[in-house]
Amino acid sequence: MKFFTLIFALFLTNQAIAHPGHGFEDNLMHFVFHALFWALIGSVVYKAVRYFMAKKDIKKQS
């Protein structure tokens, strides 16, 4: 449970950093930060789904 709390806290912290008043006053930098952040989140989710699908396939073959 501590792990999920940590992930949730990091998620909210990174989203808050990108908003005005936290060093990203320029709208372009704001957009770039959000785009990179969501690309990173998407790649982690994609990798996790692929990992669990491969793990499930290995169990079926056994």
Protein backbone atom coordinates (compact mmCIF):
# COMPACT_ATOMS: atom_id res chain seq x y z
CA MET A 1 0.00 0.00 0.00
CA LYS A 2 2.92 2.32 0.66
CA PHE A 3 4.07 1.84 -2.92
CA PHE A 4 0.71 2.96 -4.34
CA THR A 5 0.66 5.96 -2.01
CA LEU A 6 4.13 6.93 -3.21
CA ILE A 7 3.15 6.60 -6.88
CA PHE A 8 -0.02 8.65 -6.33
CA ALA A 9 1.93 11.35 -4.47
CA LEU A 10 4.57 11.56 -7.22
CA PHE A 11 1.84 11.75 -9.84
CA LEU A 12 0.16 14.72 -8.15
CA THR A 13 3.46 16.42 -7.40
CA ASN A 14 4.63 16.26 -11.01
CA GLN A 15 1.33 17.62 -12.28
CA ALA A 16 1.49 20.53 -9.83
CA ILE A 17 5.04 21.45 -10.84
CA ALA A 18 3.95 22.12 -14.43
CA HIS A 19 1.37 24.72 -13.52
CA PRO A 20 2.02 28.48 -13.51
CA GLY A 21 3.76 29.83 -10.47
CA HIS A 22 6.15 26.87 -10.29
CA GLY A 23 8.77 27.94 -12.80
CA PHE A 24 6.87 27.13 -16.00
CA GLU A 25 5.23 30.47 -16.66
CA ASP A 26 5.68 30.07 -20.42
CA ASN A 27 2.73 28.25 -21.98
CA LEU A 28 5.03 26.33 -24.32
CA MET A 29 7.07 24.91 -21.45
CA HIS A 30 3.85 24.06 -19.65
CA PHE A 31 2.64 22.09 -22.67
CA VAL A 32 6.01 20.38 -23.18
CA PHE A 33 6.17 19.29 -19.54
CA HIS A 34 2.65 17.83 -19.69
CA ALA A 35 3.36 16.10 -23.00
CA LEU A 36 6.55 14.50 -21.69
CA PHE A 37 4.90 13.51 -18.43
CA TRP A 38 1.93 11.83 -20.12
CA ALA A 39 4.22 10.14 -22.65
CA LEU A 40 6.21 8.70 -19.76
CA ILE A 41 3.05 7.55 -17.98
CA GLY A 42 1.75 6.01 -21.21
CA SER A 43 4.98 4.13 -21.83
CA VAL A 44 5.01 2.74 -18.29
CA VAL A 45 1.40 1.58 -18.59
CA TYR A 46 2.08 0.03 -22.01
CA LYS A 47 5.13 -1.81 -20.69
CA ALA A 48 3.18 -3.07 -17.66
CA VAL A 49 0.32 -4.37 -19.83
CA ARG A 50 2.76 -6.13 -22.15
CA TYR A 51 4.58 -7.65 -19.16
CA PHE A 52 1.42 -9.04 -17.60
CA MET A 53 0.12 -10.34 -20.93
CA ALA A 54 3.42 -12.17 -21.53
CA LYS A 55 3.35 -13.54 -18.00
CA LYS A 56 -0.21 -14.81 -18.55
CA ASP A 57 0.80 -16.47 -21.84
CA ILE A 58 3.72 -18.24 -20.15
CA LYS A 59 1.36 -19.63 -17.49
CA LYS A 60 -1.00 -20.91 -20.21
CA GLN A 61 1.86 -22.74 -21.96
CA SER A 62 2.97 -24.47 -18.76
